[in-house]
């Protein structure tokens, strides 16, 4: 569009702006990020807390006949599989002359450095130092060790413990790892921001009604766009947020769950739209939010397909590695602007957001609880205490609660059903808590029977 040079410019009257409430100037905050919660490197309070737990660090499919360079909790590492099928996770630099082991070779036992051929076992022990006199090689074997961490494979994910060996806990096997007739498909989802920004979303159940529905498009179903009643549950190492919605004559209970410090689950993405009954559906993803460093995060997870997860037809040959909860990563910028998802929301806060510049609301209660609990645990570890771990509080398999159920409960005539929904949500969660000690088949039968009874009773009035 061209502009004629002889067109007279008529500035807008100043009162148009002065009578408004513009407050940009002077509103630039000089607050800093919350160092206690966001820094994850070695020796930092949060980093040392996180190092007291097992974390997934890679996909098994990524490890073939070559070592793979990775970064976890601010550490540069190499993961590999030797000829005996063992997984090793070691410091990236060879202790001899600091060459990178990402260029090493995997041997029948251990990994060999490309520079001088020194070979190390998966536990970091020096197995061979070629070119040295025999007595010197023996001294080196006694004196030199490569930094290494315990690691093992489980259903296509590589898990590792990066903390002090004497602090190593039992690996928590959650109930959703072993659900009958459920396919668990491993995947990764990258985020270019601090880990806490990604984790915050799990205890923010209201965001699904906007980000994933009414803001730009109906991403999953119309039911997701309903703004329901938010309730939050704090059970030591388990934190949960429920969003209870009405969809026609149905009431839809959706539970988002965090198991400290970074294990998250939520209901299915595509199995329900709230219009059909669903009794005790479980999670659609079993996910860990793992810090790469202070400014990058990887969610490593299993997508769950089956009768109680997402529909099996969504388990496509392409797999879910580029898609999480219906969101494709690495989309064109304009597409991301028009149809933002979780990545755009959390990355748009900046590489490390500043909590002092936020204005939390009642719907952010779950986020506030989570941050407070994390801070307590970080400080406990810094003081030499043991952190809360689910394996210390419950037997394996550990009971978890992320999922959704849909019951036919007609309206009772009240214009505002908020308090009724809260009572129903508390009743639904208590059913699950009461069944904690039951084996999975009995637990399913118990909760399902209680749900049907609640439904038959019209939700209790």
Protein backbone atom coordinates (compact mmCIF):
# COMPACT_ATOMS: atom_id res chain seq x y z
CA UNK A 1 0.00 0.00 0.00
CA UNK A 2 1.50 3.33 -1.07
CA UNK A 3 1.14 6.64 0.80
CA UNK A 4 0.92 9.95 -1.04
CA UNK A 5 3.62 12.38 0.10
CA UNK A 6 1.19 15.33 -0.11
CA UNK A 7 -1.29 13.74 2.29
CA UNK A 8 -1.57 15.89 5.40
CA UNK A 9 -0.59 14.17 8.64
CA UNK A 10 -3.08 14.66 11.47
CA UNK A 11 -1.69 13.38 14.78
CA UNK A 12 -4.25 11.94 17.21
CA UNK A 13 -5.30 14.26 20.05
CA UNK A 14 -3.17 13.75 23.17
CA UNK A 15 -6.17 13.38 25.47
CA UNK A 16 -6.93 10.13 23.64
CA UNK A 17 -3.85 8.65 25.33
CA UNK A 18 -3.59 10.76 28.48
CA UNK A 19 -7.12 9.90 29.57
CA UNK A 20 -6.37 6.17 29.26
CA UNK A 21 -4.37 3.98 31.67
CA UNK A 22 -1.16 3.17 29.83
CA UNK A 23 1.43 1.92 32.30
CA UNK A 24 4.33 0.68 30.20
CA UNK A 25 6.95 3.19 31.32
CA UNK A 26 8.37 2.39 34.71
CA UNK A 27 6.84 -1.08 34.78
CA UNK A 28 10.05 -2.84 33.77
CA UNK A 29 10.82 -5.05 36.74
CA UNK A 30 14.42 -5.72 37.72
CA UNK A 31 13.55 -8.91 39.60
CA UNK A 32 15.70 -11.99 39.10
CA UNK A 33 14.64 -15.63 38.58
CA UNK A 34 14.01 -17.76 41.64
CA UNK A 35 17.51 -19.21 41.90
CA UNK A 36 16.48 -21.82 44.46
CA UNK A 37 13.95 -23.46 42.13
CA UNK A 38 15.37 -22.97 38.64
CA UNK A 39 19.12 -23.74 38.85
CA UNK A 40 19.79 -27.46 38.30
CA UNK A 41 23.53 -27.84 37.80
CA UNK A 42 25.86 -29.82 40.09
CA UNK A 43 26.10 -28.27 43.55
CA UNK A 44 22.97 -26.10 43.23
CA UNK A 45 20.24 -26.71 45.84
CA UNK A 46 17.61 -27.75 43.28
CA UNK A 47 20.14 -29.74 41.27
CA UNK A 48 21.20 -31.73 44.32
CA UNK A 49 17.58 -32.37 45.25
CA UNK A 50 16.77 -33.68 41.77
CA UNK A 51 19.86 -35.89 41.89
CA UNK A 52 18.23 -37.92 44.69
CA UNK A 53 15.80 -39.50 42.19
CA UNK A 54 15.87 -41.75 39.12
CA UNK A 55 15.22 -39.93 35.82
CA UNK A 56 14.88 -41.07 32.21
CA UNK A 57 17.75 -39.63 30.20
CA UNK A 58 17.38 -41.14 26.70
CA UNK A 59 15.30 -43.35 24.45
CA UNK A 60 16.61 -46.88 23.93
CA UNK A 61 16.01 -46.42 20.20
CA UNK A 62 18.58 -43.60 20.16
CA UNK A 63 21.40 -45.90 21.28
CA UNK A 64 22.75 -48.15 18.56
CA UNK A 65 26.39 -48.98 17.82
CA UNK A 66 27.68 -45.46 18.48
CA UNK A 67 27.88 -43.45 21.71
CA UNK A 68 25.38 -40.60 22.05
CA UNK A 69 26.23 -37.22 23.57
CA UNK A 70 23.53 -35.95 25.91
CA UNK A 71 23.14 -33.23 28.51
CA UNK A 72 21.24 -33.82 31.75
CA UNK A 73 20.97 -31.56 34.82
CA UNK A 74 23.67 -29.32 33.37
CA UNK A 75 26.17 -32.18 32.89
CA UNK A 76 27.71 -33.18 29.56
CA UNK A 77 27.47 -36.96 29.33
CA UNK A 78 27.65 -39.88 26.92
CA UNK A 79 25.24 -42.80 26.88
CA UNK A 80 26.18 -46.05 25.12
CA UNK A 81 25.43 -49.76 24.97
CA UNK A 82 28.31 -52.23 24.96
CA UNK A 83 28.50 -55.65 23.34
CA UNK A 84 27.12 -57.32 26.46
CA UNK A 85 23.96 -55.22 26.12
CA UNK A 86 24.72 -53.11 29.17
CA UNK A 87 23.91 -49.39 29.14
CA UNK A 88 26.57 -46.98 30.29
CA UNK A 89 26.17 -43.32 31.23
CA UNK A 90 29.52 -41.59 31.67
CA UNK A 91 31.12 -38.16 31.76
CA UNK A 92 31.81 -36.95 28.26
CA UNK A 93 35.52 -36.19 28.70
CA UNK A 94 38.08 -38.97 28.91
CA UNK A 95 40.11 -38.53 32.13
CA UNK A 96 43.35 -39.14 30.22
CA UNK A 97 43.59 -36.08 27.95
CA UNK A 98 39.97 -34.86 27.95
CA UNK A 99 38.95 -36.11 24.50
CA UNK A 100 35.20 -36.50 24.01
CA UNK A 101 33.89 -40.04 24.36
CA UNK A 102 31.06 -39.25 21.94
CA UNK A 103 33.69 -40.15 19.31
CA UNK A 104 34.67 -43.35 21.11
CA UNK A 105 33.81 -46.90 20.13
CA UNK A 106 31.54 -49.34 21.91
CA UNK A 107 33.28 -52.61 22.73
CA UNK A 108 32.19 -56.03 23.88
CA UNK A 109 32.77 -54.64 27.34
CA UNK A 110 32.77 -50.90 27.87
CA UNK A 111 33.72 -47.91 25.73
CA UNK A 112 37.10 -46.99 24.17
CA UNK A 113 38.37 -43.42 23.72
CA UNK A 114 39.23 -42.51 20.12
CA UNK A 115 42.36 -40.53 21.06
CA UNK A 116 44.63 -43.04 22.84
CA UNK A 117 42.48 -46.14 23.11
CA UNK A 118 41.84 -46.11 26.84
CA UNK A 119 38.85 -48.38 27.57
CA UNK A 120 36.38 -47.93 30.42
CA UNK A 121 33.68 -50.15 31.90
CA UNK A 122 30.09 -48.96 32.38
CA UNK A 123 30.90 -48.15 36.03
CA UNK A 124 33.86 -45.97 34.99
CA UNK A 125 36.60 -48.47 35.85
CA UNK A 126 39.67 -48.25 33.59
CA UNK A 127 39.96 -51.63 31.83
CA UNK A 128 42.81 -50.93 29.44
CA UNK A 129 45.44 -48.21 28.85
CA UNK A 130 47.33 -49.29 25.70
CA UNK A 131 50.93 -48.23 25.10
CA UNK A 132 51.90 -48.11 28.79
CA UNK A 133 54.42 -50.33 30.58
CA UNK A 134 52.53 -53.13 32.38
CA UNK A 135 53.30 -51.82 35.85
CA UNK A 136 52.27 -48.28 34.83
CA UNK A 137 49.02 -49.60 33.34
CA UNK A 138 48.21 -51.40 36.58
CA UNK A 139 48.83 -48.21 38.57
CA UNK A 140 46.58 -46.28 36.20
CA UNK A 141 43.81 -48.86 36.59
CA UNK A 142 43.94 -48.39 40.36
CA UNK A 143 44.11 -44.59 40.23
CA UNK A 144 42.05 -43.41 37.25
CA UNK A 145 38.29 -43.60 36.97
CA UNK A 146 35.85 -42.16 34.47
CA UNK A 147 32.82 -40.47 36.03
CA UNK A 148 29.84 -42.81 35.57
CA UNK A 149 26.26 -43.20 36.75
CA UNK A 150 24.03 -46.27 37.25
CA UNK A 151 21.69 -46.71 34.29
CA UNK A 152 19.25 -49.33 33.02
CA UNK A 153 16.59 -49.74 30.33
CA UNK A 154 12.88 -50.14 30.93
CA UNK A 155 10.27 -50.35 28.16
CA UNK A 156 12.30 -48.28 25.72
CA UNK A 157 13.51 -45.60 28.16
CA UNK A 158 16.97 -45.34 29.72
CA UNK A 159 16.83 -44.41 33.41
CA UNK A 160 19.77 -43.14 35.44
CA UNK A 161 20.64 -42.01 38.95
CA UNK A 162 22.98 -38.99 39.04
CA UNK A 163 23.21 -38.59 42.81
CA UNK A 164 25.52 -39.90 45.54
CA UNK A 165 25.64 -43.72 45.36
CA UNK A 166 24.83 -44.05 49.05
CA UNK A 167 21.63 -42.03 48.47
CA UNK A 168 20.33 -44.24 45.65
CA UNK A 169 16.63 -45.07 46.23
CA UNK A 170 14.55 -47.97 45.01
CA UNK A 171 13.24 -47.37 41.50
CA UNK A 172 9.53 -46.51 41.78
CA UNK A 173 7.35 -48.79 39.68
CA UNK A 174 4.04 -46.94 39.36
CA UNK A 175 0.81 -48.80 38.73
CA UNK A 176 0.42 -47.27 35.28
CA UNK A 177 3.67 -48.94 34.15
CA UNK A 178 1.97 -52.33 34.28
CA UNK A 179 -1.68 -51.82 33.35
CA UNK A 180 -3.09 -54.85 31.52
CA UNK A 181 -3.66 -54.45 27.78
CA UNK A 182 -1.97 -51.03 27.71
CA UNK A 183 0.69 -50.29 25.08
CA UNK A 184 3.44 -47.94 26.33
CA UNK A 185 5.21 -46.16 23.47
CA UNK A 186 8.33 -44.15 24.40
CA UNK A 187 8.84 -40.61 23.09
CA UNK A 188 10.61 -37.33 23.87
CA UNK A 189 9.33 -33.76 23.75
CA UNK A 190 11.82 -30.83 23.77
CA UNK A 191 11.19 -27.45 25.40
CA UNK A 192 13.46 -24.41 25.08
CA UNK A 193 12.93 -23.15 28.61
CA UNK A 194 13.47 -23.91 32.28
CA UNK A 195 12.09 -27.16 33.66
CA UNK A 196 9.74 -25.52 36.16
CA UNK A 197 7.82 -23.71 33.41
CA UNK A 198 7.03 -27.08 31.85
CA UNK A 199 6.22 -28.70 35.19
CA UNK A 200 3.93 -25.86 36.33
CA UNK A 201 1.36 -26.71 33.64
CA UNK A 202 0.45 -30.08 35.18
CA UNK A 203 -1.09 -28.44 38.27
CA UNK A 204 -2.80 -25.79 36.16
CA UNK A 205 -5.85 -27.76 34.96
CA UNK A 206 -7.76 -24.65 33.85
CA UNK A 207 -5.33 -23.98 31.01
CA UNK A 208 -6.81 -26.84 28.96
CA UNK A 209 -10.08 -24.90 28.67
CA UNK A 210 -8.27 -22.05 26.93
CA UNK A 211 -4.92 -22.97 25.42
CA UNK A 212 -6.21 -26.29 24.08
CA UNK A 213 -9.67 -25.13 23.15
CA UNK A 214 -11.24 -21.67 23.02
CA UNK A 215 -8.20 -19.48 22.32
CA UNK A 216 -7.33 -20.61 18.80
CA UNK A 217 -9.02 -23.90 17.96
CA UNK A 218 -10.76 -26.92 19.37
CA UNK A 219 -7.66 -29.08 19.74
CA UNK A 220 -9.22 -32.16 21.32
CA UNK A 221 -12.98 -31.78 21.79
CA UNK A 222 -15.66 -29.24 22.65
CA UNK A 223 -15.80 -30.64 26.17
CA UNK A 224 -12.25 -29.43 26.87
CA UNK A 225 -13.47 -25.87 26.40
CA UNK A 226 -15.83 -26.07 29.37
CA UNK A 227 -14.46 -24.20 32.38
CA UNK A 228 -15.12 -26.41 35.36
CA UNK A 229 -14.47 -26.42 39.08
CA UNK A 230 -10.81 -26.61 40.16
CA UNK A 231 -9.87 -28.57 43.29
CA UNK A 232 -6.43 -29.47 44.57
CA UNK A 233 -5.18 -32.38 46.67
CA UNK A 234 -1.89 -32.52 48.59
CA UNK A 235 -0.81 -36.01 49.70
CA UNK A 236 2.86 -35.58 50.64
CA UNK A 237 4.73 -36.79 47.51
CA UNK A 238 1.55 -36.76 45.39
CA UNK A 239 -0.02 -33.47 44.25
CA UNK A 240 -3.19 -33.44 42.15
CA UNK A 241 -5.49 -30.94 40.48
CA UNK A 242 -8.99 -31.82 39.27
CA UNK A 243 -11.09 -30.03 36.68
CA UNK A 244 -14.74 -31.10 37.04
CA UNK A 245 -16.82 -30.05 34.03
CA UNK A 246 -20.38 -30.41 32.89
CA UNK A 247 -20.92 -31.66 29.34
CA UNK A 248 -24.65 -31.92 28.73
CA UNK A 249 -26.09 -34.36 31.25
CA UNK A 250 -22.64 -35.70 32.09
CA UNK A 251 -20.04 -34.69 34.67
CA UNK A 252 -16.44 -35.14 33.56
CA UNK A 253 -13.73 -35.60 36.20
CA UNK A 254 -10.20 -35.00 34.90
CA UNK A 255 -7.21 -35.46 37.20
CA UNK A 256 -3.78 -33.96 36.58
CA UNK A 257 -1.07 -35.44 38.81
CA UNK A 258 2.48 -34.71 39.92
CA UNK A 259 4.57 -37.21 41.86
CA UNK A 260 7.53 -35.33 43.28
CA UNK A 261 9.80 -34.19 41.92
CA UNK A 262 8.93 -34.36 38.18
CA UNK A 263 6.70 -37.32 37.30
CA UNK A 264 3.42 -36.24 35.69
CA UNK A 265 0.22 -37.87 34.45
CA UNK A 266 -3.15 -36.63 33.21
CA UNK A 267 -6.27 -37.96 31.53
CA UNK A 268 -6.61 -39.11 27.96
CA UNK A 269 -6.39 -36.63 25.08
CA UNK A 270 -8.58 -38.42 22.55
CA UNK A 271 -10.45 -41.16 24.44
CA UNK A 272 -13.30 -38.96 25.64
CA UNK A 273 -15.03 -35.68 24.89
CA UNK A 274 -17.21 -35.85 27.98
CA UNK A 275 -20.29 -37.00 26.09
CA UNK A 276 -19.99 -40.72 26.84
CA UNK A 277 -19.68 -42.55 30.14
CA UNK A 278 -16.17 -43.55 31.15
CA UNK A 279 -15.46 -45.37 34.38
CA UNK A 280 -11.99 -44.93 35.86
CA UNK A 281 -10.02 -44.09 32.75
CA UNK A 282 -6.29 -43.77 33.32
CA UNK A 283 -3.54 -41.58 31.95
CA UNK A 284 -2.67 -41.00 28.30
CA UNK A 285 0.96 -40.25 29.08
CA UNK A 286 3.45 -41.32 31.74
CA UNK A 287 5.94 -38.46 31.69
CA UNK A 288 9.02 -37.14 33.44
CA UNK A 289 9.99 -33.45 33.03
CA UNK A 290 13.80 -33.67 32.98
CA UNK A 291 16.02 -30.57 33.02
CA UNK A 292 18.67 -30.54 30.32
CA UNK A 293 20.18 -27.45 31.93
CA UNK A 294 18.81 -24.19 33.32
CA UNK A 295 17.34 -23.11 29.97
CA UNK A 296 16.32 -26.35 28.27
CA UNK A 297 14.09 -29.25 29.20
CA UNK A 298 13.19 -32.66 27.81
CA UNK A 299 10.00 -34.53 28.63
CA UNK A 300 10.70 -38.24 28.32
CA UNK A 301 7.59 -40.36 28.41
CA UNK A 302 5.44 -43.26 27.41
CA UNK A 303 2.27 -42.60 25.43
CA UNK A 304 -0.45 -44.95 26.72
CA UNK A 305 -2.80 -46.69 24.30
CA UNK A 306 -5.57 -49.03 25.37
CA UNK A 307 -9.10 -49.23 26.68
CA UNK A 308 -8.23 -47.15 29.75
CA UNK A 309 -5.79 -44.80 28.00
CA UNK A 310 -5.95 -43.20 24.57
CA UNK A 311 -7.56 -45.10 21.68
CA UNK A 312 -5.31 -47.82 20.19
CA UNK A 313 -5.88 -46.41 16.68
CA UNK A 314 -3.78 -43.41 17.69
CA UNK A 315 -0.81 -45.74 18.13
CA UNK A 316 0.42 -45.16 14.59
CA UNK A 317 3.60 -46.58 13.00
CA UNK A 318 5.07 -43.08 12.94
CA UNK A 319 4.98 -43.04 16.73
CA UNK A 320 4.50 -40.10 19.07
CA UNK A 321 8.07 -38.78 19.12
CA UNK A 322 7.15 -35.48 17.43
CA UNK A 323 3.75 -35.14 19.00
CA UNK A 324 2.62 -34.82 22.58
CA UNK A 325 -1.01 -34.59 23.51
CA UNK A 326 -1.84 -33.67 19.93
CA UNK A 327 0.83 -30.98 19.58
CA UNK A 328 3.38 -31.25 16.80
CA UNK A 329 6.75 -29.71 17.60
CA UNK A 330 8.92 -27.63 15.26
CA UNK A 331 5.97 -26.09 13.44
CA UNK A 332 6.35 -22.97 11.26
CA UNK A 333 6.29 -19.75 13.29
CA UNK A 334 3.03 -18.47 11.81
CA UNK A 335 1.36 -21.79 12.58
CA UNK A 336 2.58 -21.58 16.15
CA UNK A 337 1.19 -18.05 16.47
CA UNK A 338 -2.21 -18.99 15.11
CA UNK A 339 -2.47 -22.27 17.03
CA UNK A 340 -0.25 -22.09 20.11
CA UNK A 341 0.19 -25.11 22.34
CA UNK A 342 2.02 -25.96 25.53
CA UNK A 343 5.45 -25.36 24.00
CA UNK A 344 4.53 -21.86 22.82
CA UNK A 345 2.94 -21.01 26.18
CA UNK A 346 5.87 -22.07 28.34
CA UNK A 347 8.68 -21.07 25.97
CA UNK A 348 7.03 -17.68 25.45
CA UNK A 349 7.73 -16.88 29.11
CA UNK A 350 11.45 -16.70 28.27
CA UNK A 351 14.23 -19.18 28.84
CA UNK A 352 13.82 -18.67 32.61
CA UNK A 353 10.70 -16.90 33.77
CA UNK A 354 10.68 -14.49 36.73
CA UNK A 355 8.07 -15.51 39.31
CA UNK A 356 8.22 -12.08 41.00
CA UNK A 357 6.57 -10.60 37.90
CA UNK A 358 3.60 -13.01 38.01
CA UNK A 359 0.17 -12.26 39.45
CA UNK A 360 -1.15 -15.57 40.75
CA UNK A 361 -4.92 -16.09 40.98
CA UNK A 362 -7.11 -18.62 42.85
CA UNK A 363 -6.94 -21.00 39.89
CA UNK A 364 -3.14 -21.09 40.39
CA UNK A 365 -3.47 -22.70 43.82
CA UNK A 366 -1.97 -25.96 42.55
CA UNK A 367 1.06 -24.17 41.12
CA UNK A 368 1.60 -22.38 44.45
CA UNK A 369 1.33 -25.66 46.39
CA UNK A 370 3.80 -27.36 44.06
CA UNK A 371 6.39 -24.61 44.28
CA UNK A 372 6.08 -24.49 48.05
CA UNK A 373 6.48 -28.25 48.38
CA UNK A 374 9.49 -28.27 46.02
CA UNK A 375 11.12 -25.47 48.00
CA UNK A 376 10.59 -27.39 51.26
CA UNK A 377 12.17 -30.49 49.77
CA UNK A 378 15.11 -28.62 48.25
CA UNK A 379 15.86 -27.06 51.62
CA UNK A 380 15.49 -30.39 53.40
CA UNK A 381 18.13 -31.99 51.17
CA UNK A 382 20.39 -28.95 51.59
CA UNK A 383 20.09 -29.46 55.36
CA UNK A 384 21.22 -33.08 55.05
CA UNK A 385 17.75 -34.65 55.32
CA UNK A 386 16.16 -37.26 53.07
CA UNK A 387 13.61 -36.04 50.49
CA UNK A 388 10.06 -37.35 50.28
CA UNK A 389 10.01 -40.35 47.95
CA UNK A 390 6.95 -42.37 47.01
CA UNK A 391 8.94 -45.60 47.52
CA UNK A 392 9.28 -44.64 51.19
CA UNK A 393 5.56 -43.91 51.49
CA UNK A 394 3.94 -46.70 49.47
CA UNK A 395 4.84 -50.19 48.28
CA UNK A 396 5.64 -50.98 44.66
CA UNK A 397 3.64 -50.76 42.48
CA UNK A 398 3.00 -47.17 43.59
CA UNK A 399 -0.65 -46.04 43.32
CA UNK A 400 -1.23 -43.05 41.05
CA UNK A 401 -4.32 -41.05 40.12
CA UNK A 402 -3.98 -39.20 36.81
CA UNK A 403 -6.90 -39.98 34.48
CA UNK A 404 -10.52 -39.19 33.86
CA UNK A 405 -14.05 -40.51 34.35
CA UNK A 406 -17.39 -39.39 32.91
CA UNK A 407 -20.64 -40.04 34.79
CA UNK A 408 -24.21 -39.28 33.76
CA UNK A 409 -25.39 -36.99 36.56
CA UNK A 410 -28.25 -34.68 35.56
CA UNK A 411 -28.42 -31.09 36.73
CA UNK A 412 -30.10 -30.52 40.07
CA UNK A 413 -31.60 -27.16 39.11
CA UNK A 414 -28.91 -25.00 40.67
CA UNK A 415 -27.60 -22.25 38.41
CA UNK A 416 -24.11 -22.57 39.92
CA UNK A 417 -22.94 -26.17 40.34
CA UNK A 418 -19.46 -25.27 41.56
CA UNK A 419 -19.86 -26.50 45.13
CA UNK A 420 -21.60 -29.66 43.96
CA UNK A 421 -18.75 -30.37 41.55
CA UNK A 422 -16.25 -29.90 44.37
CA UNK A 423 -18.06 -32.44 46.55
CA UNK A 424 -18.15 -34.88 43.64
CA UNK A 425 -14.44 -34.40 42.91
CA UNK A 426 -13.53 -35.04 46.55
CA UNK A 427 -15.72 -38.15 46.55
CA UNK A 428 -14.08 -39.39 43.33
CA UNK A 429 -10.56 -38.88 44.68
CA UNK A 430 -11.42 -40.54 48.00
CA UNK A 431 -12.60 -43.64 46.13
CA UNK A 432 -9.14 -43.95 44.62
CA UNK A 433 -7.34 -43.23 47.89
CA UNK A 434 -9.44 -45.91 49.63
CA UNK A 435 -8.28 -48.45 47.03
CA UNK A 436 -4.55 -47.68 47.31
CA UNK A 437 -3.64 -51.01 48.87
CA UNK A 438 -5.63 -53.16 46.43
CA UNK A 439 -4.00 -55.02 43.52
CA UNK A 440 -4.85 -53.50 40.15
CA UNK A 441 -7.79 -55.75 39.14
CA UNK A 442 -9.43 -55.33 42.54
CA UNK A 443 -8.72 -51.61 42.52
CA UNK A 444 -10.40 -51.19 39.13
CA UNK A 445 -13.44 -53.17 40.29
CA UNK A 446 -13.69 -51.23 43.56
CA UNK A 447 -13.45 -47.75 42.02
CA UNK A 448 -15.72 -48.64 39.11
CA UNK A 449 -18.39 -50.01 41.45
CA UNK A 450 -18.23 -46.87 43.60
CA UNK A 451 -18.49 -44.65 40.52
CA UNK A 452 -21.56 -46.50 39.26
CA UNK A 453 -23.15 -46.17 42.68
CA UNK A 454 -22.43 -42.44 42.74
CA UNK A 455 -23.95 -42.11 39.28
CA UNK A 456 -27.03 -44.15 40.22
CA UNK A 457 -27.53 -41.88 43.21
CA UNK A 458 -27.54 -38.81 40.99
CA UNK A 459 -24.24 -37.67 42.42
CA UNK A 460 -25.64 -37.66 45.93
CA UNK A 461 -28.22 -34.94 45.24
